[in-house]
PDB file of N, CA and C in Angstrom:
ATOM      1  N   MET A   1     -30.451 -24.330 -16.938  1.00  0.00           N
ATOM      2  CA  MET A   1     -29.899 -23.981 -15.637  1.00  0.00           C
ATOM      3  C   MET A   1     -30.600 -22.732 -15.111  1.00  0.00           C
ATOM      4  N   ASN A   2     -30.954 -22.733 -13.860  1.00  0.00           N
ATOM      5  CA  ASN A   2     -31.541 -21.530 -13.280  1.00  0.00           C
ATOM      6  C   ASN A   2     -30.468 -20.744 -12.543  1.00  0.00           C
ATOM      7  N   SER A   3     -30.863 -19.587 -11.990  1.00  0.00           N
ATOM      8  CA  SER A   3     -29.873 -18.711 -11.344  1.00  0.00           C
ATOM      9  C   SER A   3     -29.261 -19.347 -10.098  1.00  0.00           C
ATOM     10  N   LYS A   4     -29.941 -20.301  -9.476  1.00  0.00           N
ATOM     11  CA  LYS A   4     -29.406 -20.921  -8.266  1.00  0.00           C
ATOM     12  C   LYS A   4     -28.315 -21.940  -8.578  1.00  0.00           C
ATOM     13  N   THR A   5     -28.275 -22.454  -9.815  1.00  0.00           N
ATOM     14  CA  THR A   5     -27.253 -23.434 -10.157  1.00  0.00           C
ATOM     15  C   THR A   5     -26.196 -22.875 -11.105  1.00  0.00           C
ATOM     16  N   ALA A   6     -26.411 -21.694 -11.664  1.00  0.00           N
ATOM     17  CA  ALA A   6     -25.422 -21.087 -12.566  1.00  0.00           C
ATOM     18  C   ALA A   6     -24.167 -20.752 -11.769  1.00  0.00           C
ATOM     19  N   LYS A   7     -23.012 -21.059 -12.374  1.00  0.00           N
ATOM     20  CA  LYS A   7     -21.737 -20.788 -11.713  1.00  0.00           C
ATOM     21  C   LYS A   7     -20.929 -19.813 -12.552  1.00  0.00           C
ATOM     22  N   ILE A   8     -20.124 -19.018 -11.857  1.00  0.00           N
ATOM     23  CA  ILE A   8     -19.314 -18.021 -12.530  1.00  0.00           C
ATOM     24  C   ILE A   8     -18.138 -18.682 -13.244  1.00  0.00           C
ATOM     25  N   LYS A   9     -17.897 -18.222 -14.465  1.00  0.00           N
ATOM     26  CA  LYS A   9     -16.782 -18.739 -15.253  1.00  0.00           C
ATOM     27  C   LYS A   9     -15.704 -17.667 -15.433  1.00  0.00           C
ATOM     28  N   ALA A  10     -16.109 -16.412 -15.636  1.00  0.00           N
ATOM     29  CA  ALA A  10     -15.159 -15.313 -15.832  1.00  0.00           C
ATOM     30  C   ALA A  10     -15.832 -14.016 -15.415  1.00  0.00           C
ATOM     31  N   LEU A  11     -15.003 -12.972 -15.253  1.00  0.00           N
ATOM     32  CA  LEU A  11     -15.513 -11.688 -14.775  1.00  0.00           C
ATOM     33  C   LEU A  11     -14.654 -10.561 -15.330  1.00  0.00           C
ATOM     34  N   SER A  12     -15.279  -9.420 -15.584  1.00  0.00           N
ATOM     35  CA  SER A  12     -14.557  -8.227 -16.024  1.00  0.00           C
ATOM     36  C   SER A  12     -15.193  -7.006 -15.364  1.00  0.00           C
ATOM     37  N   THR A  13     -14.364  -6.015 -15.041  1.00  0.00           N
ATOM     38  CA  THR A  13     -14.886  -4.753 -14.482  1.00  0.00           C
ATOM     39  C   THR A  13     -14.366  -3.577 -15.313  1.00  0.00           C
ATOM     40  N   ASP A  14     -14.328  -3.747 -16.621  1.00  0.00           N
ATOM     41  CA  ASP A  14     -13.828  -2.708 -17.520  1.00  0.00           C
ATOM     42  C   ASP A  14     -14.950  -1.783 -17.979  1.00  0.00           C
ATOM     43  N   ASP A  15     -14.555  -0.585 -18.392  1.00  0.00           N
ATOM     44  CA  ASP A  15     -15.465   0.395 -18.996  1.00  0.00           C
ATOM     45  C   ASP A  15     -16.677   0.721 -18.122  1.00  0.00           C
ATOM     46  N   GLY A  16     -16.476   0.726 -16.816  1.00  0.00           N
ATOM     47  CA  GLY A  16     -17.559   1.087 -15.909  1.00  0.00           C
ATOM     48  C   GLY A  16     -18.660   0.055 -15.786  1.00  0.00           C
ATOM     49  N   MET A  17     -18.388  -1.160 -16.225  1.00  0.00           N
ATOM     50  CA  MET A  17     -19.390  -2.224 -16.169  1.00  0.00           C
ATOM     51  C   MET A  17     -18.823  -3.442 -15.443  1.00  0.00           C
ATOM     52  N   LEU A  18     -19.682  -4.125 -14.722  1.00  0.00           N
ATOM     53  CA  LEU A  18     -19.373  -5.437 -14.161  1.00  0.00           C
ATOM     54  C   LEU A  18     -19.977  -6.437 -15.134  1.00  0.00           C
ATOM     55  N   THR A  19     -19.164  -7.259 -15.734  1.00  0.00           N
ATOM     56  CA  THR A  19     -19.636  -8.271 -16.683  1.00  0.00           C
ATOM     57  C   THR A  19     -19.247  -9.637 -16.152  1.00  0.00           C
ATOM     58  N   VAL A  20     -20.233 -10.526 -16.084  1.00  0.00           N
ATOM     59  CA  VAL A  20     -20.042 -11.867 -15.542  1.00  0.00           C
ATOM     60  C   VAL A  20     -20.423 -12.885 -16.610  1.00  0.00           C
ATOM     61  N   TRP A  21     -19.505 -13.824 -16.874  1.00  0.00           N
ATOM     62  CA  TRP A  21     -19.764 -14.929 -17.785  1.00  0.00           C
ATOM     63  C   TRP A  21     -20.110 -16.137 -16.937  1.00  0.00           C
ATOM     64  N   LEU A  22     -21.232 -16.786 -17.255  1.00  0.00           N
ATOM     65  CA  LEU A  22     -21.687 -17.948 -16.487  1.00  0.00           C
ATOM     66  C   LEU A  22     -21.433 -19.231 -17.261  1.00  0.00           C
ATOM     67  N   ASP A  23     -21.352 -20.341 -16.534  1.00  0.00           N
ATOM     68  CA  ASP A  23     -21.049 -21.621 -17.167  1.00  0.00           C
ATOM     69  C   ASP A  23     -22.175 -22.128 -18.061  1.00  0.00           C
ATOM     70  N   ASP A  24     -23.365 -21.552 -17.977  1.00  0.00           N
ATOM     71  CA  ASP A  24     -24.464 -21.967 -18.847  1.00  0.00           C
ATOM     72  C   ASP A  24     -24.527 -21.133 -20.133  1.00  0.00           C
ATOM     73  N   GLY A  25     -23.520 -20.263 -20.338  1.00  0.00           N
ATOM     74  CA  GLY A  25     -23.452 -19.486 -21.577  1.00  0.00           C
ATOM     75  C   GLY A  25     -23.978 -18.059 -21.459  1.00  0.00           C
ATOM     76  N   ARG A  26     -24.651 -17.741 -20.380  1.00  0.00           N
ATOM     77  CA  ARG A  26     -25.167 -16.376 -20.236  1.00  0.00           C
ATOM     78  C   ARG A  26     -24.045 -15.411 -19.898  1.00  0.00           C
ATOM     79  N   ILE A  27     -24.209 -14.178 -20.370  1.00  0.00           N
ATOM     80  CA  ILE A  27     -23.308 -13.078 -20.037  1.00  0.00           C
ATOM     81  C   ILE A  27     -24.185 -11.977 -19.457  1.00  0.00           C
ATOM     82  N   VAL A  28     -23.869 -11.560 -18.235  1.00  0.00           N
ATOM     83  CA  VAL A  28     -24.676 -10.567 -17.533  1.00  0.00           C
ATOM     84  C   VAL A  28     -23.807  -9.350 -17.253  1.00  0.00           C
ATOM     85  N   SER A  29     -24.326  -8.163 -17.554  1.00  0.00           N
ATOM     86  CA  SER A  29     -23.598  -6.925 -17.279  1.00  0.00           C
ATOM     87  C   SER A  29     -24.471  -5.988 -16.458  1.00  0.00           C
ATOM     88  N   ALA A  30     -23.809  -5.237 -15.587  1.00  0.00           N
ATOM     89  CA  ALA A  30     -24.483  -4.226 -14.771  1.00  0.00           C
ATOM     90  C   ALA A  30     -23.498  -3.073 -14.586  1.00  0.00           C
ATOM     91  N   PRO A  31     -23.997  -1.852 -14.459  1.00  0.00           N
ATOM     92  CA  PRO A  31     -23.091  -0.722 -14.241  1.00  0.00           C
ATOM     93  C   PRO A  31     -22.367  -0.860 -12.903  1.00  0.00           C
ATOM     94  N   LEU A  32     -21.083  -0.510 -12.889  1.00  0.00           N
ATOM     95  CA  LEU A  32     -20.334  -0.528 -11.624  1.00  0.00           C
ATOM     96  C   LEU A  32     -20.951   0.435 -10.610  1.00  0.00           C
ATOM     97  N   SER A  33     -21.638   1.457 -11.081  1.00  0.00           N
ATOM     98  CA  SER A  33     -22.266   2.416 -10.159  1.00  0.00           C
ATOM     99  C   SER A  33     -23.317   1.752  -9.270  1.00  0.00           C
ATOM    100  N   TRP A  34     -23.810   0.576  -9.655  1.00  0.00           N
ATOM    101  CA  TRP A  34     -24.737  -0.172  -8.804  1.00  0.00           C
ATOM    102  C   TRP A  34     -24.012  -0.762  -7.596  1.00  0.00           C
ATOM    103  N   TYR A  35     -22.703  -0.881  -7.702  1.00  0.00           N
ATOM    104  CA  TYR A  35     -21.885  -1.486  -6.653  1.00  0.00           C
ATOM    105  C   TYR A  35     -20.804  -0.475  -6.266  1.00  0.00           C
ATOM    106  N   CYS A  36     -21.143   0.458  -5.381  1.00  0.00           N
ATOM    107  CA  CYS A  36     -20.242   1.558  -5.007  1.00  0.00           C
ATOM    108  C   CYS A  36     -18.894   1.049  -4.501  1.00  0.00           C
ATOM    109  N   SER A  37     -18.899  -0.057  -3.784  1.00  0.00           N
ATOM    110  CA  SER A  37     -17.647  -0.604  -3.262  1.00  0.00           C
ATOM    111  C   SER A  37     -16.694  -0.966  -4.392  1.00  0.00           C
ATOM    112  N   LEU A  38     -17.226  -1.500  -5.476  1.00  0.00           N
ATOM    113  CA  LEU A  38     -16.399  -1.835  -6.630  1.00  0.00           C
ATOM    114  C   LEU A  38     -16.032  -0.587  -7.420  1.00  0.00           C
ATOM    115  N   ALA A  39     -16.983   0.327  -7.558  1.00  0.00           N
ATOM    116  CA  ALA A  39     -16.736   1.550  -8.329  1.00  0.00           C
ATOM    117  C   ALA A  39     -15.630   2.385  -7.689  1.00  0.00           C
ATOM    118  N   GLN A  40     -15.567   2.413  -6.368  1.00  0.00           N
ATOM    119  CA  GLN A  40     -14.567   3.220  -5.671  1.00  0.00           C
ATOM    120  C   GLN A  40     -13.239   2.495  -5.477  1.00  0.00           C
ATOM    121  N   ALA A  41     -13.213   1.218  -5.749  1.00  0.00           N
ATOM    122  CA  ALA A  41     -11.968   0.445  -5.618  1.00  0.00           C
ATOM    123  C   ALA A  41     -11.073   0.719  -6.818  1.00  0.00           C
ATOM    124  N   SER A  42      -9.791   0.502  -6.623  1.00  0.00           N
ATOM    125  CA  SER A  42      -8.846   0.694  -7.728  1.00  0.00           C
ATOM    126  C   SER A  42      -8.987  -0.472  -8.714  1.00  0.00           C
ATOM    127  N   PRO A  43      -8.543  -0.271  -9.956  1.00  0.00           N
ATOM    128  CA  PRO A  43      -8.582  -1.384 -10.914  1.00  0.00           C
ATOM    129  C   PRO A  43      -7.794  -2.602 -10.424  1.00  0.00           C
ATOM    130  N   GLU A  44      -6.691  -2.354  -9.707  1.00  0.00           N
ATOM    131  CA  GLU A  44      -5.909  -3.469  -9.167  1.00  0.00           C
ATOM    132  C   GLU A  44      -6.702  -4.244  -8.127  1.00  0.00           C
ATOM    133  N   GLU A  45      -7.461  -3.532  -7.283  1.00  0.00           N
ATOM    134  CA  GLU A  45      -8.273  -4.207  -6.265  1.00  0.00           C
ATOM    135  C   GLU A  45      -9.408  -4.994  -6.909  1.00  0.00           C
ATOM    136  N   ARG A  46      -9.989  -4.448  -7.969  1.00  0.00           N
ATOM    137  CA  ARG A  46     -11.084  -5.144  -8.658  1.00  0.00           C
ATOM    138  C   ARG A  46     -10.591  -6.329  -9.469  1.00  0.00           C
ATOM    139  N   LYS A  47      -9.336  -6.281  -9.909  1.00  0.00           N
ATOM    140  CA  LYS A  47      -8.798  -7.324 -10.777  1.00  0.00           C
ATOM    141  C   LYS A  47      -8.655  -8.652 -10.039  1.00  0.00           C
ATOM    142  N   ILE A  48      -8.376  -8.605  -8.744  1.00  0.00           N
ATOM    143  CA  ILE A  48      -8.150  -9.835  -7.974  1.00  0.00           C
ATOM    144  C   ILE A  48      -9.466 -10.275  -7.329  1.00  0.00           C
ATOM    145  N   TRP A  49     -10.054 -11.312  -7.892  1.00  0.00           N
ATOM    146  CA  TRP A  49     -11.315 -11.859  -7.397  1.00  0.00           C
ATOM    147  C   TRP A  49     -11.201 -13.378  -7.423  1.00  0.00           C
ATOM    148  N   GLN A  50     -12.143 -14.025  -6.761  1.00  0.00           N
ATOM    149  CA  GLN A  50     -12.185 -15.480  -6.776  1.00  0.00           C
ATOM    150  C   GLN A  50     -13.626 -15.941  -6.637  1.00  0.00           C
ATOM    151  N   PRO A  51     -13.952 -17.088  -7.231  1.00  0.00           N
ATOM    152  CA  PRO A  51     -15.304 -17.629  -7.038  1.00  0.00           C
ATOM    153  C   PRO A  51     -15.496 -18.008  -5.574  1.00  0.00           C
ATOM    154  N   SER A  52     -16.696 -17.842  -5.099  1.00  0.00           N
ATOM    155  CA  SER A  52     -17.022 -18.260  -3.730  1.00  0.00           C
ATOM    156  C   SER A  52     -18.337 -19.028  -3.760  1.00  0.00           C
ATOM    157  N   ALA A  53     -18.677 -19.620  -2.670  1.00  0.00           N
ATOM    158  CA  ALA A  53     -19.931 -20.382  -2.535  1.00  0.00           C
ATOM    159  C   ALA A  53     -20.087 -21.392  -3.669  1.00  0.00           C
ATOM    160  N   ALA A  54     -19.040 -22.182  -3.883  1.00  0.00           N
ATOM    161  CA  ALA A  54     -19.051 -23.231  -4.916  1.00  0.00           C
ATOM    162  C   ALA A  54     -19.343 -22.664  -6.302  1.00  0.00           C
ATOM    163  N   GLY A  55     -18.826 -21.461  -6.564  1.00  0.00           N
ATOM    164  CA  GLY A  55     -18.996 -20.844  -7.876  1.00  0.00           C
ATOM    165  C   GLY A  55     -20.254 -20.022  -8.024  1.00  0.00           C
ATOM    166  N   ARG A  56     -21.054 -19.954  -6.984  1.00  0.00           N
ATOM    167  CA  ARG A  56     -22.311 -19.194  -7.044  1.00  0.00           C
ATOM    168  C   ARG A  56     -22.162 -17.775  -6.509  1.00  0.00           C
ATOM    169  N   GLY A  57     -20.922 -17.386  -6.222  1.00  0.00           N
ATOM    170  CA  GLY A  57     -20.659 -16.046  -5.720  1.00  0.00           C
ATOM    171  C   GLY A  57     -19.303 -15.561  -6.185  1.00  0.00           C
ATOM    172  N   ILE A  58     -19.023 -14.290  -5.942  1.00  0.00           N
ATOM    173  CA  ILE A  58     -17.764 -13.656  -6.313  1.00  0.00           C
ATOM    174  C   ILE A  58     -17.220 -12.970  -5.068  1.00  0.00           C
ATOM    175  N   HIS A  59     -15.915 -13.155  -4.820  1.00  0.00           N
ATOM    176  CA  HIS A  59     -15.280 -12.548  -3.643  1.00  0.00           C
ATOM    177  C   HIS A  59     -14.057 -11.764  -4.085  1.00  0.00           C
ATOM    178  N   TRP A  60     -13.929 -10.512  -3.579  1.00  0.00           N
ATOM    179  CA  TRP A  60     -12.756  -9.676  -3.796  1.00  0.00           C
ATOM    180  C   TRP A  60     -12.019  -9.596  -2.467  1.00  0.00           C
ATOM    181  N   PRO A  61     -10.897 -10.315  -2.312  1.00  0.00           N
ATOM    182  CA  PRO A  61     -10.197 -10.376  -1.025  1.00  0.00           C
ATOM    183  C   PRO A  61      -9.702  -9.019  -0.524  1.00  0.00           C
ATOM    184  N   ALA A  62      -9.179  -8.188  -1.409  1.00  0.00           N
ATOM    185  CA  ALA A  62      -8.644  -6.891  -0.973  1.00  0.00           C
ATOM    186  C   ALA A  62      -9.737  -5.974  -0.437  1.00  0.00           C
ATOM    187  N   LEU A  63     -10.966  -6.205  -0.861  1.00  0.00           N
ATOM    188  CA  LEU A  63     -12.091  -5.377  -0.428  1.00  0.00           C
ATOM    189  C   LEU A  63     -12.931  -6.057   0.643  1.00  0.00           C
ATOM    190  N   ASP A  64     -12.716  -7.352   0.838  1.00  0.00           N
ATOM    191  CA  ASP A  64     -13.575  -8.176   1.684  1.00  0.00           C
ATOM    192  C   ASP A  64     -15.030  -7.965   1.264  1.00  0.00           C
ATOM    193  N   TYR A  65     -15.262  -8.142  -0.030  1.00  0.00           N
ATOM    194  CA  TYR A  65     -16.555  -7.842  -0.647  1.00  0.00           C
ATOM    195  C   TYR A  65     -17.038  -9.058  -1.425  1.00  0.00           C
ATOM    196  N   ASP A  66     -18.332  -9.344  -1.318  1.00  0.00           N
ATOM    197  CA  ASP A  66     -18.917 -10.491  -1.994  1.00  0.00           C
ATOM    198  C   ASP A  66     -20.184 -10.098  -2.743  1.00  0.00           C
ATOM    199  N   LEU A  67     -20.384 -10.735  -3.884  1.00  0.00           N
ATOM    200  CA  LEU A  67     -21.636 -10.635  -4.635  1.00  0.00           C
ATOM    201  C   LEU A  67     -22.093 -12.046  -4.954  1.00  0.00           C
ATOM    202  N   SER A  68     -23.393 -12.249  -5.005  1.00  0.00           N
ATOM    203  CA  SER A  68     -23.904 -13.555  -5.421  1.00  0.00           C
ATOM    204  C   SER A  68     -24.285 -13.475  -6.894  1.00  0.00           C
ATOM    205  N   VAL A  69     -24.121 -14.588  -7.594  1.00  0.00           N
ATOM    206  CA  VAL A  69     -24.528 -14.654  -8.996  1.00  0.00           C
ATOM    207  C   VAL A  69     -26.025 -14.386  -9.080  1.00  0.00           C
ATOM    208  N   GLU A  70     -26.770 -14.935  -8.165  1.00  0.00           N
ATOM    209  CA  GLU A  70     -28.226 -14.742  -8.147  1.00  0.00           C
ATOM    210  C   GLU A  70     -28.584 -13.258  -8.011  1.00  0.00           C
ATOM    211  N   GLY A  71     -27.849 -12.543  -7.156  1.00  0.00           N
ATOM    212  CA  GLY A  71     -28.102 -11.113  -6.984  1.00  0.00           C
ATOM    213  C   GLY A  71     -27.797 -10.311  -8.233  1.00  0.00           C
ATOM    214  N   VAL A  72     -26.695 -10.644  -8.901  1.00  0.00           N
ATOM    215  CA  VAL A  72     -26.345  -9.958 -10.145  1.00  0.00           C
ATOM    216  C   VAL A  72     -27.399 -10.242 -11.206  1.00  0.00           C
ATOM    217  N   LEU A  73     -27.835 -11.503 -11.323  1.00  0.00           N
ATOM    218  CA  LEU A  73     -28.853 -11.867 -12.310  1.00  0.00           C
ATOM    219  C   LEU A  73     -30.184 -11.166 -12.055  1.00  0.00           C
ATOM    220  N   SER A  74     -30.512 -10.958 -10.795  1.00  0.00           N
ATOM    221  CA  SER A  74     -31.800 -10.326 -10.473  1.00  0.00           C
ATOM    222  C   SER A  74     -31.724  -8.804 -10.488  1.00  0.00           C
ATOM    223  N   GLY A  75     -30.528  -8.252 -10.747  1.00  0.00           N
ATOM    224  CA  GLY A  75     -30.386  -6.794 -10.811  1.00  0.00           C
ATOM    225  C   GLY A  75     -30.339  -6.130  -9.454  1.00  0.00           C
ATOM    226  N   GLN A  76     -29.974  -6.888  -8.444  1.00  0.00           N
ATOM    227  CA  GLN A  76     -29.908  -6.361  -7.081  1.00  0.00           C
ATOM    228  C   GLN A  76     -28.710  -5.430  -6.940  1.00  0.00           C
ATOM    229  N   LYS A  77     -28.954  -4.224  -6.432  1.00  0.00           N
ATOM    230  CA  LYS A  77     -27.885  -3.243  -6.230  1.00  0.00           C
ATOM    231  C   LYS A  77     -27.296  -3.387  -4.830  1.00  0.00           C
ATOM    232  N   GLU A  78     -26.091  -2.810  -4.660  1.00  0.00           N
ATOM    233  CA  GLU A  78     -25.425  -2.845  -3.358  1.00  0.00           C
ATOM    234  C   GLU A  78     -26.208  -2.025  -2.337  1.00  0.00           C
ATOM    235  N   HIS A  79     -26.281  -2.542  -1.127  1.00  0.00           N
ATOM    236  CA  HIS A  79     -26.907  -1.799  -0.031  1.00  0.00           C
ATOM    237  C   HIS A  79     -26.052  -0.568   0.266  1.00  0.00           C
ATOM    238  N   PRO A  80     -26.654   0.603   0.495  1.00  0.00           N
ATOM    239  CA  PRO A  80     -25.875   1.826   0.718  1.00  0.00           C
ATOM    240  C   PRO A  80     -24.863   1.749   1.857  1.00  0.00           C
ATOM    241  N   ALA A  81     -25.105   0.952   2.873  1.00  0.00           N
ATOM    242  CA  ALA A  81     -24.185   0.866   4.011  1.00  0.00           C
ATOM    243  C   ALA A  81     -22.990  -0.044   3.740  1.00  0.00           C
ATOM    244  N   ALA A  82     -23.006  -0.806   2.667  1.00  0.00           N
ATOM    245  CA  ALA A  82     -21.923  -1.763   2.401  1.00  0.00           C
ATOM    246  C   ALA A  82     -20.590  -1.072   2.181  1.00  0.00           C
ATOM    247  N   ILE A  83     -20.602   0.123   1.619  1.00  0.00           N
ATOM    248  CA  ILE A  83     -19.352   0.837   1.333  1.00  0.00           C
ATOM    249  C   ILE A  83     -18.540   1.071   2.596  1.00  0.00           C
ATOM    250  N   ARG A  84     -19.208   1.276   3.717  1.00  0.00           N
ATOM    251  CA  ARG A  84     -18.513   1.502   4.985  1.00  0.00           C
ATOM    252  C   ARG A  84     -17.619   0.322   5.341  1.00  0.00           C
ATOM    253  N   TYR A  85     -18.106  -0.897   5.106  1.00  0.00           N
ATOM    254  CA  TYR A  85     -17.347  -2.087   5.463  1.00  0.00           C
ATOM    255  C   TYR A  85     -16.204  -2.354   4.485  1.00  0.00           C
ATOM    256  N   THR A  86     -16.430  -2.089   3.192  1.00  0.00           N
ATOM    257  CA  THR A  86     -15.349  -2.319   2.235  1.00  0.00           C
ATOM    258  C   THR A  86     -14.260  -1.272   2.388  1.00  0.00           C
ATOM    259  N   ARG A  87     -14.609  -0.050   2.773  1.00  0.00           N
ATOM    260  CA  ARG A  87     -13.579   0.962   3.046  1.00  0.00           C
ATOM    261  C   ARG A  87     -12.712   0.528   4.218  1.00  0.00           C
ATOM    262  N   ALA A  88     -13.341  -0.014   5.248  1.00  0.00           N
ATOM    263  CA  ALA A  88     -12.587  -0.480   6.420  1.00  0.00           C
ATOM    264  C   ALA A  88     -11.663  -1.627   6.031  1.00  0.00           C
ATOM    265  N   ALA A  89     -12.118  -2.535   5.201  1.00  0.00           N
ATOM    266  CA  ALA A  89     -11.287  -3.659   4.766  1.00  0.00           C
ATOM    267  C   ALA A  89     -10.113  -3.170   3.929  1.00  0.00           C
ATOM    268  N   ARG A  90     -10.356  -2.201   3.047  1.00  0.00           N
ATOM    269  CA  ARG A  90      -9.262  -1.674   2.229  1.00  0.00           C
ATOM    270  C   ARG A  90      -8.237  -0.971   3.090  1.00  0.00           C
ATOM    271  N   ALA A  91      -8.693  -0.243   4.100  1.00  0.00           N
ATOM    272  CA  ALA A  91      -7.762   0.446   4.996  1.00  0.00           C
ATOM    273  C   ALA A  91      -6.925  -0.559   5.776  1.00  0.00           C
ATOM    274  N   LYS A  92      -7.528  -1.675   6.150  1.00  0.00           N
ATOM    275  CA  LYS A  92      -6.813  -2.704   6.913  1.00  0.00           C
ATOM    276  C   LYS A  92      -5.773  -3.403   6.040  1.00  0.00           C
ATOM    277  N   ASN A  93      -6.042  -3.553   4.750  1.00  0.00           N
ATOM    278  CA  ASN A  93      -5.126  -4.248   3.846  1.00  0.00           C
ATOM    279  C   ASN A  93      -3.994  -3.368   3.335  1.00  0.00           C
ATOM    280  N   ARG A  94      -4.106  -2.059   3.490  1.00  0.00           N
ATOM    281  CA  ARG A  94      -3.051  -1.153   3.047  1.00  0.00           C
ATOM    282  C   ARG A  94      -2.124  -0.867   4.210  1.00  0.00           C
ATOM    283  N   PRO A  95      -0.825  -0.769   3.941  1.00  0.00           N
ATOM    284  CA  PRO A  95       0.089  -0.445   5.040  1.00  0.00           C
ATOM    285  C   PRO A  95      -0.168   0.963   5.544  1.00  0.00           C
ATOM    286  N   ALA A  96      -0.278   1.093   6.827  1.00  0.00           N
ATOM    287  CA  ALA A  96      -0.553   2.398   7.429  1.00  0.00           C
ATOM    288  C   ALA A  96       0.747   3.048   7.876  1.00  0.00           C
ATOM    289  N   ILE A  97       0.829   4.340   7.707  1.00  0.00           N
ATOM    290  CA  ILE A  97       1.975   5.099   8.197  1.00  0.00           C
ATOM    291  C   ILE A  97       1.501   5.789   9.464  1.00  0.00           C
ATOM    292  N   LYS A  98       2.060   5.364  10.579  1.00  0.00           N
ATOM    293  CA  LYS A  98       1.623   5.903  11.858  1.00  0.00           C
ATOM    294  C   LYS A  98       2.488   7.106  12.230  1.00  0.00           C
ATOM    295  N   PRO A  99       1.856   8.198  12.648  1.00  0.00           N
ATOM    296  CA  PRO A  99       2.642   9.359  13.074  1.00  0.00           C
ATOM    297  C   PRO A  99       3.354   9.057  14.388  1.00  0.00           C
ATOM    298  N   LEU A 100       4.473   9.720  14.591  1.00  0.00           N
ATOM    299  CA  LEU A 100       5.194   9.559  15.851  1.00  0.00           C
ATOM    300  C   LEU A 100       4.382  10.173  16.982  1.00  0.00           C
ATOM    301  N   SER A 101       4.352   9.513  18.097  1.00  0.00           N
ATOM    302  CA  SER A 101       3.598  10.007  19.235  1.00  0.00           C
ATOM    303  C   SER A 101       4.435  11.030  19.991  1.00  0.00           C
ATOM    304  N   ARG A 102       3.810  12.130  20.352  1.00  0.00           N
ATOM    305  CA  ARG A 102       4.488  13.166  21.124  1.00  0.00           C
ATOM    306  C   ARG A 102       3.788  13.355  22.473  1.00  0.00           C
ATOM    307  N   ARG A 103       3.109  12.300  22.925  1.00  0.00           N
ATOM    308  CA  ARG A 103       2.393  12.385  24.197  1.00  0.00           C
ATOM    309  C   ARG A 103       3.365  12.308  25.358  1.00  0.00           C
ATOM    310  N   PRO A 104       3.042  12.988  26.459  1.00  0.00           N
ATOM    311  CA  PRO A 104       3.890  12.846  27.645  1.00  0.00           C
ATOM    312  C   PRO A 104       3.717  11.442  28.231  1.00  0.00           C
ATOM    313  N   ALA A 105       4.627  11.056  29.076  1.00  0.00           N
ATOM    314  CA  ALA A 105       4.559   9.738  29.706  1.00  0.00           C
ATOM    315  C   ALA A 105       3.247   9.610  30.469  1.00  0.00           C
ATOM    316  N   MET A 106       2.683   8.409  30.447  1.00  0.00           N
ATOM    317  CA  MET A 106       1.431   8.165  31.140  1.00  0.00           C
ATOM    318  C   MET A 106       1.636   8.266  32.648  1.00  0.00           C
ATOM    319  N   LYS A 107       0.699   8.927  33.324  1.00  0.00           N
ATOM    320  CA  LYS A 107       0.806   9.067  34.780  1.00  0.00           C
ATOM    321  C   LYS A 107      -0.313   8.301  35.452  1.00  0.00           C
ATOM    322  N   VAL A 108       0.038   7.643  36.524  1.00  0.00           N
ATOM    323  CA  VAL A 108      -0.927   6.917  37.324  1.00  0.00           C
ATOM    324  C   VAL A 108      -0.863   7.489  38.725  1.00  0.00           C
ATOM    325  N   ARG A 109      -1.912   8.198  39.104  1.00  0.00           N
ATOM    326  CA  ARG A 109      -2.009   8.821  40.422  1.00  0.00           C
ATOM    327  C   ARG A 109      -0.750   9.616  40.768  1.00  0.00           C
ATOM    328  N   GLY A 110      -0.351  10.468  39.814  1.00  0.00           N
ATOM    329  CA  GLY A 110       0.752  11.369  40.078  1.00  0.00           C
ATOM    330  C   GLY A 110       2.130  10.811  39.799  1.00  0.00           C
ATOM    331  N   LYS A 111       2.244   9.538  39.463  1.00  0.00           N
ATOM    332  CA  LYS A 111       3.552   8.954  39.168  1.00  0.00           C
ATOM    333  C   LYS A 111       3.596   8.567  37.697  1.00  0.00           C
ATOM    334  N   SER A 112       4.740   8.759  37.072  1.00  0.00           N
ATOM    335  CA  SER A 112       4.874   8.398  35.667  1.00  0.00           C
ATOM    336  C   SER A 112       5.000   6.890  35.545  1.00  0.00           C
ATOM    337  N   LYS A 113       4.700   6.390  34.350  1.00  0.00           N
ATOM    338  CA  LYS A 113       4.766   4.956  34.095  1.00  0.00           C
ATOM    339  C   LYS A 113       6.204   4.444  34.293  1.00  0.00           C
ATOM    340  N   SER A 114       7.202   5.240  33.873  1.00  0.00           N
ATOM    341  CA  SER A 114       8.590   4.776  34.028  1.00  0.00           C
ATOM    342  C   SER A 114       8.986   4.677  35.490  1.00  0.00           C
ATOM    343  N   SER A 115       8.500   5.591  36.350  1.00  0.00           N
ATOM    344  CA  SER A 115       8.866   5.493  37.763  1.00  0.00           C
ATOM    345  C   SER A 115       8.141   4.302  38.415  1.00  0.00           C
ATOM    346  N   LEU A 116       6.931   3.998  37.943  1.00  0.00           N
ATOM    347  CA  LEU A 116       6.224   2.808  38.451  1.00  0.00           C
ATOM    348  C   LEU A 116       6.947   1.550  38.061  1.00  0.00           C
ATOM    349  N   LEU A 117       7.479   1.507  36.839  1.00  0.00           N
ATOM    350  CA  LEU A 117       8.233   0.320  36.404  1.00  0.00           C
ATOM    351  C   LEU A 117       9.491   0.165  37.238  1.00  0.00           C
ATOM    352  N   ALA A 118      10.156   1.285  37.549  1.00  0.00           N
ATOM    353  CA  ALA A 118      11.363   1.218  38.361  1.00  0.00           C
ATOM    354  C   ALA A 118      11.041   0.728  39.768  1.00  0.00           C
ATOM    355  N   LEU A 119       9.897   1.186  40.319  1.00  0.00           N
ATOM    356  CA  LEU A 119       9.492   0.754  41.655  1.00  0.00           C
ATOM    357  C   LEU A 119       9.177  -0.739  41.674  1.00  0.00           C
ATOM    358  N   SER A 120       8.487  -1.217  40.614  1.00  0.00           N
ATOM    359  CA  SER A 120       8.117  -2.631  40.605  1.00  0.00           C
ATOM    360  C   SER A 120       9.342  -3.510  40.380  1.00  0.00           C
ATOM    361  N   ALA A 121      10.324  -3.009  39.646  1.00  0.00           N
ATOM    362  CA  ALA A 121      11.549  -3.780  39.432  1.00  0.00           C
ATOM    363  C   ALA A 121      12.369  -3.871  40.709  1.00  0.00           C
ATOM    364  N   ALA A 122      12.315  -2.820  41.544  1.00  0.00           N
ATOM    365  CA  ALA A 122      13.084  -2.796  42.783  1.00  0.00           C
ATOM    366  C   ALA A 122      12.464  -3.715  43.834  1.00  0.00           C
ATOM    367  N   SER A 123      11.180  -4.028  43.705  1.00  0.00           N
ATOM    368  CA  SER A 123      10.511  -4.852  44.703  1.00  0.00           C
ATOM    369  C   SER A 123      10.841  -6.298  44.597  1.00  0.00           C
TER     370      SER A 123
END
């Protein structure tokens, strides 16, 4: 089997390493530091993964992050800009606590939004 047909069977992200077991018997490991998005994710976020691309890729839903088996086999590291997108995905998946707004009422040409609503309701 070549790298284009090898499919993922199992995965581990323990001890600072990404270890992938393939259906052809190969076991491939790479440092998590090669994949900053995974290294900065929590163990819980890294634990939940699923095969993608018919088993030729790995997807982490909480991170919206993907790796290809071919890329891992070839020793391809994460692109430096990828972390920006996985941070955004993690922020979107976490519940946000929004601060209370203390802004004054919106004004449109000198009139407040509430007085405009009252005027439109009266019409």
